[in-house]
C-alpha atoms as a PDB file:
ATOM      1  CA  MET A   1     107.771  58.487  89.129  1.00  0.00           C
ATOM      2  CA  VAL A   2     109.599  60.973  88.740  1.00  0.00           C
ATOM      3  CA  SER A   3     108.227  64.445  88.518  1.00  0.00           C
ATOM      4  CA  LYS A   4     110.002  67.368  87.842  1.00  0.00           C
ATOM      5  CA  SER A   5     109.709  71.091  88.763  1.00  0.00           C
ATOM      6  CA  ALA A   6     109.291  73.477  86.022  1.00  0.00           C
ATOM      7  CA  SER A   7     112.566  75.428  86.929  1.00  0.00           C
ATOM      8  CA  ALA A   8     113.994  72.115  86.469  1.00  0.00           C
ATOM      9  CA  GLU A   9     112.669  71.101  82.729  1.00  0.00           C
ATOM     10  CA  LEU A  10     115.556  71.382  80.090  1.00  0.00           C
ATOM     11  CA  LEU A  11     114.680  73.071  77.183  1.00  0.00           C
ATOM     12  CA  THR A  12     116.182  72.873  73.583  1.00  0.00           C
ATOM     13  CA  ALA A  13     117.726  75.078  71.163  1.00  0.00           C
ATOM     14  CA  ARG A  14     114.274  75.188  69.627  1.00  0.00           C
ATOM     15  CA  GLU A  15     112.137  75.201  72.261  1.00  0.00           C
ATOM     16  CA  VAL A  16     114.384  78.152  72.894  1.00  0.00           C
ATOM     17  CA  LEU A  17     114.440  79.731  70.011  1.00  0.00           C
ATOM     18  CA  GLU A  18     110.278  80.119  69.322  1.00  0.00           C
ATOM     19  CA  GLU A  19     110.033  81.409  72.803  1.00  0.00           C
ATOM     20  CA  LEU A  20     112.208  84.766  71.808  1.00  0.00           C
ATOM     21  CA  GLY A  21     110.164  84.839  68.837  1.00  0.00           C
ATOM     22  CA  GLY A  22     111.482  82.848  67.120  1.00  0.00           C
ATOM     23  CA  ILE A  23     115.299  84.496  66.841  1.00  0.00           C
ATOM     24  CA  SER A  24     116.825  82.617  64.055  1.00  0.00           C
ATOM     25  CA  ARG A  25     119.510  79.367  65.104  1.00  0.00           C
ATOM     26  CA  ARG A  26     122.479  82.054  64.216  1.00  0.00           C
ATOM     27  CA  THR A  27     121.579  84.618  66.542  1.00  0.00           C
ATOM     28  CA  PHE A  28     121.635  82.266  69.416  1.00  0.00           C
ATOM     29  CA  TYR A  29     124.610  80.652  68.430  1.00  0.00           C
ATOM     30  CA  ARG A  30     126.417  84.221  68.446  1.00  0.00           C
ATOM     31  CA  TRP A  31     124.849  85.185  70.837  1.00  0.00           C
ATOM     32  CA  ARG A  32     126.827  82.408  73.166  1.00  0.00           C
ATOM     33  CA  GLU A  33     129.788  83.543  70.606  1.00  0.00           C
ATOM     34  CA  LEU A  34     129.239  86.647  72.862  1.00  0.00           C
ATOM     35  CA  LYS A  35     128.658  84.749  76.256  1.00  0.00           C
ATOM     36  CA  ILE A  36     125.565  86.978  75.937  1.00  0.00           C
ATOM     37  CA  ALA A  37     123.544  84.224  75.517  1.00  0.00           C
ATOM     38  CA  PRO A  38     120.813  82.339  78.782  1.00  0.00           C
ATOM     39  CA  ARG A  39     123.078  79.332  80.391  1.00  0.00           C
ATOM     40  CA  CYS A  40     123.576  76.105  78.446  1.00  0.00           C
ATOM     41  CA  ILE A  41     124.095  72.543  79.427  1.00  0.00           C
ATOM     42  CA  ARG A  42     125.899  70.662  77.128  1.00  0.00           C
ATOM     43  CA  LEU A  43     124.621  67.316  76.003  1.00  0.00           C
ATOM     44  CA  PRO A  44     127.155  64.169  76.154  1.00  0.00           C
ATOM     45  CA  ASN A  45     125.542  64.074  72.517  1.00  0.00           C
ATOM     46  CA  GLY A  46     126.600  67.375  71.912  1.00  0.00           C
ATOM     47  CA  GLN A  47     123.085  68.706  72.109  1.00  0.00           C
ATOM     48  CA  LEU A  48     122.291  72.520  73.882  1.00  0.00           C
ATOM     49  CA  ARG A  49     119.710  72.257  76.763  1.00  0.00           C
ATOM     50  CA  VAL A  50     118.418  75.238  78.565  1.00  0.00           C
ATOM     51  CA  PRO A  51     117.823  75.406  81.820  1.00  0.00           C
ATOM     52  CA  ARG A  52     113.779  76.874  82.422  1.00  0.00           C
ATOM     53  CA  GLY A  53     116.021  79.059  85.630  1.00  0.00           C
ATOM     54  CA  ALA A  54     118.027  79.823  84.089  1.00  0.00           C
ATOM     55  CA  LEU A  55     116.192  81.553  80.449  1.00  0.00           C
ATOM     56  CA  ASP A  56     113.647  83.264  83.025  1.00  0.00           C
ATOM     57  CA  ALA A  57     116.499  85.154  84.790  1.00  0.00           C
ATOM     58  CA  TRP A  58     118.469  85.616  81.861  1.00  0.00           C
ATOM     59  CA  LEU A  59     114.741  86.926  80.346  1.00  0.00           C
ATOM     60  CA  ASP A  60     114.756  88.661  84.436  1.00  0.00           C
ATOM     61  CA  GLU A  61     118.060  90.781  84.087  1.00  0.00           C
ATOM     62  CA  ARG A  62     117.154  92.631  80.369  1.00  0.00           C
ATOM     63  CA  ALA A  63     114.004  93.647  80.992  1.00  0.00           C
ATOM     64  CA  GLU A  64     113.135  97.248  81.546  1.00  0.00           C
ATOM     65  CA  GLY A  65     110.937 100.106  82.866  1.00  0.00           C
ATOM     66  CA  MET A  66     110.235  97.079  85.920  1.00  0.00           C
ATOM     67  CA  ALA A  67     110.774  99.095  89.148  1.00  0.00           C
END
């Protein structure tokens, strides 16, 4: 049995949208166009996945008021 660490987890676009408070799919893809979205992986079937570690790091970079 292969165990997967939380940081290696691959999230679907829908899961990322939900984690970001229910932003729209269009907003997420616009962020991608502007190159301000979290790092994504495009699978051979064309679907996107966001590594959990990349999403967490992206959120940490945007944290305000943390000293």
